[in-house]
PDB file of N, CA and C in Angstrom:
ATOM      1  N   MET A   1     152.462 150.706 166.908  1.00  0.00           N
ATOM      2  CA  MET A   1     151.414 149.731 166.935  1.00  0.00           C
ATOM      3  C   MET A   1     151.852 148.531 166.119  1.00  0.00           C
ATOM      4  N   GLY A   2     151.517 147.369 166.599  1.00  0.00           N
ATOM      5  CA  GLY A   2     151.933 146.149 165.920  1.00  0.00           C
ATOM      6  C   GLY A   2     150.792 145.502 165.170  1.00  0.00           C
ATOM      7  N   SER A   3     151.140 144.479 164.475  1.00  0.00           N
ATOM      8  CA  SER A   3     150.134 143.716 163.738  1.00  0.00           C
ATOM      9  C   SER A   3     149.372 142.820 164.700  1.00  0.00           C
ATOM     10  N   ILE A   4     148.102 142.681 164.454  1.00  0.00           N
ATOM     11  CA  ILE A   4     147.285 141.775 165.246  1.00  0.00           C
ATOM     12  C   ILE A   4     147.053 140.549 164.387  1.00  0.00           C
ATOM     13  N   ARG A   5     147.460 139.403 164.909  1.00  0.00           N
ATOM     14  CA  ARG A   5     147.300 138.164 164.168  1.00  0.00           C
ATOM     15  C   ARG A   5     146.318 137.265 164.894  1.00  0.00           C
ATOM     16  N   SER A   6     145.617 136.456 164.146  1.00  0.00           N
ATOM     17  CA  SER A   6     144.655 135.553 164.757  1.00  0.00           C
ATOM     18  C   SER A   6     145.369 134.455 165.529  1.00  0.00           C
ATOM     19  N   SER A   7     144.670 133.868 166.475  1.00  0.00           N
ATOM     20  CA  SER A   7     145.273 132.807 167.279  1.00  0.00           C
ATOM     21  C   SER A   7     145.591 131.598 166.413  1.00  0.00           C
ATOM     22  N   ASN A   8     144.850 131.414 165.323  1.00  0.00           N
ATOM     23  CA  ASN A   8     145.131 130.303 164.421  1.00  0.00           C
ATOM     24  C   ASN A   8     146.504 130.463 163.761  1.00  0.00           C
ATOM     25  N   VAL A   9     146.812 131.672 163.329  1.00  0.00           N
ATOM     26  CA  VAL A   9     148.111 131.952 162.708  1.00  0.00           C
ATOM     27  C   VAL A   9     149.224 131.742 163.732  1.00  0.00           C
ATOM     28  N   LYS A  10     149.047 132.266 164.934  1.00  0.00           N
ATOM     29  CA  LYS A  10     150.067 132.132 165.977  1.00  0.00           C
ATOM     30  C   LYS A  10     150.285 130.673 166.347  1.00  0.00           C
ATOM     31  N   ARG A  11     149.200 129.940 166.544  1.00  0.00           N
ATOM     32  CA  ARG A  11     149.289 128.535 166.935  1.00  0.00           C
ATOM     33  C   ARG A  11     150.001 127.721 165.856  1.00  0.00           C
ATOM     34  N   THR A  12     149.632 127.941 164.601  1.00  0.00           N
ATOM     35  CA  THR A  12     150.259 127.220 163.494  1.00  0.00           C
ATOM     36  C   THR A  12     151.748 127.528 163.418  1.00  0.00           C
ATOM     37  N   ALA A  13     152.107 128.788 163.541  1.00  0.00           N
ATOM     38  CA  ALA A  13     153.510 129.189 163.469  1.00  0.00           C
ATOM     39  C   ALA A  13     154.318 128.588 164.613  1.00  0.00           C
ATOM     40  N   GLU A  14     153.796 128.648 165.826  1.00  0.00           N
ATOM     41  CA  GLU A  14     154.508 128.108 166.974  1.00  0.00           C
ATOM     42  C   GLU A  14     154.651 126.594 166.867  1.00  0.00           C
ATOM     43  N   ASN A  15     153.637 125.915 166.347  1.00  0.00           N
ATOM     44  CA  ASN A  15     153.724 124.471 166.132  1.00  0.00           C
ATOM     45  C   ASN A  15     154.777 124.124 165.086  1.00  0.00           C
ATOM     46  N   LEU A  16     154.858 124.916 164.027  1.00  0.00           N
ATOM     47  CA  LEU A  16     155.872 124.677 162.994  1.00  0.00           C
ATOM     48  C   LEU A  16     157.277 124.845 163.542  1.00  0.00           C
ATOM     49  N   VAL A  17     157.488 125.883 164.348  1.00  0.00           N
ATOM     50  CA  VAL A  17     158.815 126.118 164.927  1.00  0.00           C
ATOM     51  C   VAL A  17     159.188 124.960 165.855  1.00  0.00           C
ATOM     52  N   ALA A  18     158.223 124.452 166.614  1.00  0.00           N
ATOM     53  CA  ALA A  18     158.483 123.318 167.509  1.00  0.00           C
ATOM     54  C   ALA A  18     158.708 122.032 166.719  1.00  0.00           C
ATOM     55  N   GLN A  19     157.993 121.884 165.615  1.00  0.00           N
ATOM     56  CA  GLN A  19     158.069 120.676 164.809  1.00  0.00           C
ATOM     57  C   GLN A  19     159.363 120.608 163.997  1.00  0.00           C
ATOM     58  N   TYR A  20     159.862 121.743 163.552  1.00  0.00           N
ATOM     59  CA  TYR A  20     161.076 121.810 162.742  1.00  0.00           C
ATOM     60  C   TYR A  20     162.121 122.689 163.428  1.00  0.00           C
ATOM     61  N   PRO A  21     162.713 122.228 164.527  1.00  0.00           N
ATOM     62  CA  PRO A  21     163.686 123.081 165.239  1.00  0.00           C
ATOM     63  C   PRO A  21     164.946 123.300 164.396  1.00  0.00           C
ATOM     64  N   GLY A  22     165.421 124.527 164.393  1.00  0.00           N
ATOM     65  CA  GLY A  22     166.639 124.864 163.671  1.00  0.00           C
ATOM     66  C   GLY A  22     166.455 125.099 162.185  1.00  0.00           C
ATOM     67  N   LYS A  23     165.268 124.899 161.665  1.00  0.00           N
ATOM     68  CA  LYS A  23     165.043 125.060 160.230  1.00  0.00           C
ATOM     69  C   LYS A  23     164.706 126.498 159.854  1.00  0.00           C
ATOM     70  N   PHE A  24     164.048 127.216 160.741  1.00  0.00           N
ATOM     71  CA  PHE A  24     163.630 128.585 160.458  1.00  0.00           C
ATOM     72  C   PHE A  24     164.717 129.576 160.872  1.00  0.00           C
ATOM     73  N   THR A  25     164.773 130.701 160.160  1.00  0.00           N
ATOM     74  CA  THR A  25     165.774 131.733 160.438  1.00  0.00           C
ATOM     75  C   THR A  25     165.086 133.090 160.553  1.00  0.00           C
ATOM     76  N   LYS A  26     165.891 134.147 160.605  1.00  0.00           N
ATOM     77  CA  LYS A  26     165.359 135.503 160.654  1.00  0.00           C
ATOM     78  C   LYS A  26     164.953 136.020 159.271  1.00  0.00           C
ATOM     79  N   ASP A  27     165.192 135.236 158.229  1.00  0.00           N
ATOM     80  CA  ASP A  27     164.897 135.638 156.857  1.00  0.00           C
ATOM     81  C   ASP A  27     163.466 135.264 156.475  1.00  0.00           C
ATOM     82  N   TYR A  28     162.637 136.265 156.214  1.00  0.00           N
ATOM     83  CA  TYR A  28     161.227 136.047 155.899  1.00  0.00           C
ATOM     84  C   TYR A  28     161.028 135.188 154.655  1.00  0.00           C
ATOM     85  N   SER A  29     161.742 135.487 153.579  1.00  0.00           N
ATOM     86  CA  SER A  29     161.509 134.773 152.313  1.00  0.00           C
ATOM     87  C   SER A  29     161.878 133.298 152.430  1.00  0.00           C
ATOM     88  N   GLN A  30     162.921 133.003 153.170  1.00  0.00           N
ATOM     89  CA  GLN A  30     163.298 131.604 153.392  1.00  0.00           C
ATOM     90  C   GLN A  30     162.233 130.905 154.247  1.00  0.00           C
ATOM     91  N   ASN A  31     161.758 131.578 155.274  1.00  0.00           N
ATOM     92  CA  ASN A  31     160.712 131.016 156.123  1.00  0.00           C
ATOM     93  C   ASN A  31     159.426 130.791 155.328  1.00  0.00           C
ATOM     94  N   ARG A  32     159.139 131.688 154.404  1.00  0.00           N
ATOM     95  CA  ARG A  32     157.931 131.568 153.590  1.00  0.00           C
ATOM     96  C   ARG A  32     157.971 130.300 152.747  1.00  0.00           C
ATOM     97  N   GLU A  33     159.118 129.981 152.174  1.00  0.00           N
ATOM     98  CA  GLU A  33     159.251 128.769 151.367  1.00  0.00           C
ATOM     99  C   GLU A  33     159.081 127.516 152.225  1.00  0.00           C
ATOM    100  N   ILE A  34     159.629 127.530 153.429  1.00  0.00           N
ATOM    101  CA  ILE A  34     159.499 126.387 154.331  1.00  0.00           C
ATOM    102  C   ILE A  34     158.039 126.208 154.739  1.00  0.00           C
ATOM    103  N   VAL A  35     157.372 127.300 155.072  1.00  0.00           N
ATOM    104  CA  VAL A  35     155.958 127.238 155.450  1.00  0.00           C
ATOM    105  C   VAL A  35     155.120 126.743 154.273  1.00  0.00           C
ATOM    106  N   LYS A  36     155.440 127.203 153.079  1.00  0.00           N
ATOM    107  CA  LYS A  36     154.694 126.794 151.889  1.00  0.00           C
ATOM    108  C   LYS A  36     154.770 125.276 151.690  1.00  0.00           C
ATOM    109  N   GLN A  37     155.924 124.680 151.978  1.00  0.00           N
ATOM    110  CA  GLN A  37     156.094 123.241 151.827  1.00  0.00           C
ATOM    111  C   GLN A  37     155.443 122.465 152.963  1.00  0.00           C
ATOM    112  N   ALA A  38     155.452 123.032 154.156  1.00  0.00           N
ATOM    113  CA  ALA A  38     154.995 122.313 155.344  1.00  0.00           C
ATOM    114  C   ALA A  38     153.493 122.373 155.562  1.00  0.00           C
ATOM    115  N   VAL A  39     152.840 123.439 155.094  1.00  0.00           N
ATOM    116  CA  VAL A  39     151.426 123.651 155.412  1.00  0.00           C
ATOM    117  C   VAL A  39     150.639 123.874 154.126  1.00  0.00           C
ATOM    118  N   THR A  40     149.455 123.299 154.079  1.00  0.00           N
ATOM    119  CA  THR A  40     148.550 123.625 152.975  1.00  0.00           C
ATOM    120  C   THR A  40     147.537 124.628 153.517  1.00  0.00           C
ATOM    121  N   VAL A  41     147.601 125.833 153.012  1.00  0.00           N
ATOM    122  CA  VAL A  41     146.711 126.897 153.475  1.00  0.00           C
ATOM    123  C   VAL A  41     145.784 127.311 152.338  1.00  0.00           C
ATOM    124  N   ALA A  42     144.689 127.923 152.716  1.00  0.00           N
ATOM    125  CA  ALA A  42     143.666 128.298 151.748  1.00  0.00           C
ATOM    126  C   ALA A  42     144.060 129.517 150.924  1.00  0.00           C
ATOM    127  N   SER A  43     144.838 130.404 151.507  1.00  0.00           N
ATOM    128  CA  SER A  43     145.117 131.639 150.781  1.00  0.00           C
ATOM    129  C   SER A  43     146.570 132.069 150.931  1.00  0.00           C
ATOM    130  N   LYS A  44     146.968 132.916 150.000  1.00  0.00           N
ATOM    131  CA  LYS A  44     148.312 133.483 150.001  1.00  0.00           C
ATOM    132  C   LYS A  44     148.498 134.402 151.209  1.00  0.00           C
ATOM    133  N   LYS A  45     147.452 135.125 151.569  1.00  0.00           N
ATOM    134  CA  LYS A  45     147.511 136.043 152.698  1.00  0.00           C
ATOM    135  C   LYS A  45     147.781 135.286 154.003  1.00  0.00           C
ATOM    136  N   THR A  46     147.114 134.160 154.191  1.00  0.00           N
ATOM    137  CA  THR A  46     147.327 133.359 155.398  1.00  0.00           C
ATOM    138  C   THR A  46     148.748 132.809 155.430  1.00  0.00           C
ATOM    139  N   LEU A  47     149.237 132.337 154.291  1.00  0.00           N
ATOM    140  CA  LEU A  47     150.607 131.842 154.189  1.00  0.00           C
ATOM    141  C   LEU A  47     151.597 132.934 154.585  1.00  0.00           C
ATOM    142  N   ASN A  48     151.392 134.137 154.079  1.00  0.00           N
ATOM    143  CA  ASN A  48     152.280 135.249 154.391  1.00  0.00           C
ATOM    144  C   ASN A  48     152.197 135.635 155.871  1.00  0.00           C
ATOM    145  N   ASN A  49     150.995 135.587 156.437  1.00  0.00           N
ATOM    146  CA  ASN A  49     150.840 135.894 157.865  1.00  0.00           C
ATOM    147  C   ASN A  49     151.584 134.882 158.734  1.00  0.00           C
ATOM    148  N   ILE A  50     151.478 133.609 158.387  1.00  0.00           N
ATOM    149  CA  ILE A  50     152.171 132.572 159.151  1.00  0.00           C
ATOM    150  C   ILE A  50     153.682 132.745 159.033  1.00  0.00           C
ATOM    151  N   ALA A  51     154.173 132.962 157.824  1.00  0.00           N
ATOM    152  CA  ALA A  51     155.612 133.141 157.618  1.00  0.00           C
ATOM    153  C   ALA A  51     156.122 134.388 158.349  1.00  0.00           C
ATOM    154  N   GLY A  52     155.349 135.451 158.333  1.00  0.00           N
ATOM    155  CA  GLY A  52     155.740 136.670 159.042  1.00  0.00           C
ATOM    156  C   GLY A  52     155.793 136.463 160.540  1.00  0.00           C
ATOM    157  N   TYR A  53     154.819 135.746 161.065  1.00  0.00           N
ATOM    158  CA  TYR A  53     154.820 135.498 162.510  1.00  0.00           C
ATOM    159  C   TYR A  53     155.938 134.547 162.900  1.00  0.00           C
ATOM    160  N   VAL A  54     156.247 133.565 162.053  1.00  0.00           N
ATOM    161  CA  VAL A  54     157.384 132.674 162.325  1.00  0.00           C
ATOM    162  C   VAL A  54     158.659 133.499 162.433  1.00  0.00           C
ATOM    163  N   THR A  55     158.843 134.443 161.528  1.00  0.00           N
ATOM    164  CA  THR A  55     160.036 135.288 161.537  1.00  0.00           C
ATOM    165  C   THR A  55     160.113 136.103 162.823  1.00  0.00           C
ATOM    166  N   ARG A  56     159.017 136.740 163.205  1.00  0.00           N
ATOM    167  CA  ARG A  56     158.996 137.516 164.454  1.00  0.00           C
ATOM    168  C   ARG A  56     159.217 136.625 165.669  1.00  0.00           C
ATOM    169  N   TYR A  57     158.634 135.435 165.639  1.00  0.00           N
ATOM    170  CA  TYR A  57     158.752 134.493 166.749  1.00  0.00           C
ATOM    171  C   TYR A  57     160.200 134.032 166.917  1.00  0.00           C
ATOM    172  N   ILE A  58     160.895 133.760 165.823  1.00  0.00           N
ATOM    173  CA  ILE A  58     162.300 133.350 165.874  1.00  0.00           C
ATOM    174  C   ILE A  58     163.146 134.483 166.437  1.00  0.00           C
ATOM    175  N   ILE A  59     162.899 135.711 165.999  1.00  0.00           N
ATOM    176  CA  ILE A  59     163.642 136.866 166.509  1.00  0.00           C
ATOM    177  C   ILE A  59     163.415 137.009 168.008  1.00  0.00           C
ATOM    178  N   LYS A  60     162.170 136.830 168.450  1.00  0.00           N
ATOM    179  CA  LYS A  60     161.841 136.934 169.869  1.00  0.00           C
ATOM    180  C   LYS A  60     162.527 135.828 170.684  1.00  0.00           C
ATOM    181  N   LEU A  61     162.542 134.602 170.162  1.00  0.00           N
ATOM    182  CA  LEU A  61     163.189 133.498 170.867  1.00  0.00           C
ATOM    183  C   LEU A  61     164.691 133.726 171.011  1.00  0.00           C
ATOM    184  N   GLU A  62     165.330 134.187 169.937  1.00  0.00           N
ATOM    185  CA  GLU A  62     166.767 134.455 169.987  1.00  0.00           C
ATOM    186  C   GLU A  62     167.084 135.581 170.955  1.00  0.00           C
ATOM    187  N   SER A  63     166.237 136.593 170.994  1.00  0.00           N
ATOM    188  CA  SER A  63     166.434 137.699 171.923  1.00  0.00           C
ATOM    189  C   SER A  63     166.337 137.218 173.366  1.00  0.00           C
ATOM    190  N   ARG A  64     165.351 136.362 173.642  1.00  0.00           N
ATOM    191  CA  ARG A  64     165.208 135.817 174.994  1.00  0.00           C
ATOM    192  C   ARG A  64     166.405 134.970 175.397  1.00  0.00           C
ATOM    193  N   ARG A  65     166.878 134.118 174.458  1.00  0.00           N
ATOM    194  CA  ARG A  65     168.047 133.282 174.752  1.00  0.00           C
ATOM    195  C   ARG A  65     169.269 134.141 175.064  1.00  0.00           C
ATOM    196  N   ARG A  66     169.481 135.182 174.255  1.00  0.00           N
ATOM    197  CA  ARG A  66     170.625 136.059 174.454  1.00  0.00           C
ATOM    198  C   ARG A  66     170.536 136.763 175.807  1.00  0.00           C
ATOM    199  N   LYS A  67     169.347 137.206 176.161  1.00  0.00           N
ATOM    200  CA  LYS A  67     169.131 137.895 177.433  1.00  0.00           C
ATOM    201  C   LYS A  67     169.391 136.958 178.608  1.00  0.00           C
ATOM    202  N   GLU A  68     168.918 135.711 178.513  1.00  0.00           N
ATOM    203  CA  GLU A  68     169.146 134.738 179.576  1.00  0.00           C
ATOM    204  C   GLU A  68     170.622 134.406 179.727  1.00  0.00           C
ATOM    205  N   GLU A  69     171.343 134.303 178.600  1.00  0.00           N
ATOM    206  CA  GLU A  69     172.780 134.036 178.656  1.00  0.00           C
ATOM    207  C   GLU A  69     173.532 135.170 179.340  1.00  0.00           C
ATOM    208  N   GLU A  70     173.134 136.408 179.032  1.00  0.00           N
ATOM    209  CA  GLU A  70     173.778 137.554 179.647  1.00  0.00           C
ATOM    210  C   GLU A  70     173.526 137.592 181.146  1.00  0.00           C
ATOM    211  N   GLU A  71     172.308 137.245 181.551  1.00  0.00           N
ATOM    212  CA  GLU A  71     171.971 137.262 182.969  1.00  0.00           C
ATOM    213  C   GLU A  71     172.731 136.176 183.732  1.00  0.00           C
ATOM    214  N   THR A  72     172.940 135.021 183.125  1.00  0.00           N
ATOM    215  CA  THR A  72     173.632 133.930 183.803  1.00  0.00           C
ATOM    216  C   THR A  72     175.135 134.115 183.805  1.00  0.00           C
ATOM    217  N   SER A  73     175.675 134.843 182.822  1.00  0.00           N
ATOM    218  CA  SER A  73     177.116 135.016 182.735  1.00  0.00           C
ATOM    219  C   SER A  73     177.642 136.148 183.610  1.00  0.00           C
ATOM    220  N   ILE A  74     176.772 137.037 184.071  1.00  0.00           N
ATOM    221  CA  ILE A  74     177.200 138.160 184.918  1.00  0.00           C
ATOM    222  C   ILE A  74     177.369 137.645 186.346  1.00  0.00           C
ATOM    223  N   PRO A  75     178.591 137.762 186.891  1.00  0.00           N
ATOM    224  CA  PRO A  75     178.790 137.303 188.269  1.00  0.00           C
ATOM    225  C   PRO A  75     178.104 138.264 189.256  1.00  0.00           C
ATOM    226  N   ALA A  76     177.478 137.672 190.257  1.00  0.00           N
ATOM    227  CA  ALA A  76     176.763 138.492 191.232  1.00  0.00           C
ATOM    228  C   ALA A  76     177.581 138.765 192.456  1.00  0.00           C
TER     229      ALA A  76
END
């Protein structure tokens, strides 16, 4: 079972990744510092949720890119 995040957290995280391309990595603590500088949030919990979702989102994007590259490189 996975974590359920609010649409506000997801939307904010996806906007940050689009706004700062190449700045986020698979490292949660580094992403947390970037999110802390970029967004003013009401609570520490919300900040951590956004940083966690950014990390998962980056991993998912890289996985999709790798999968697409493999599909295009295989001769049919």
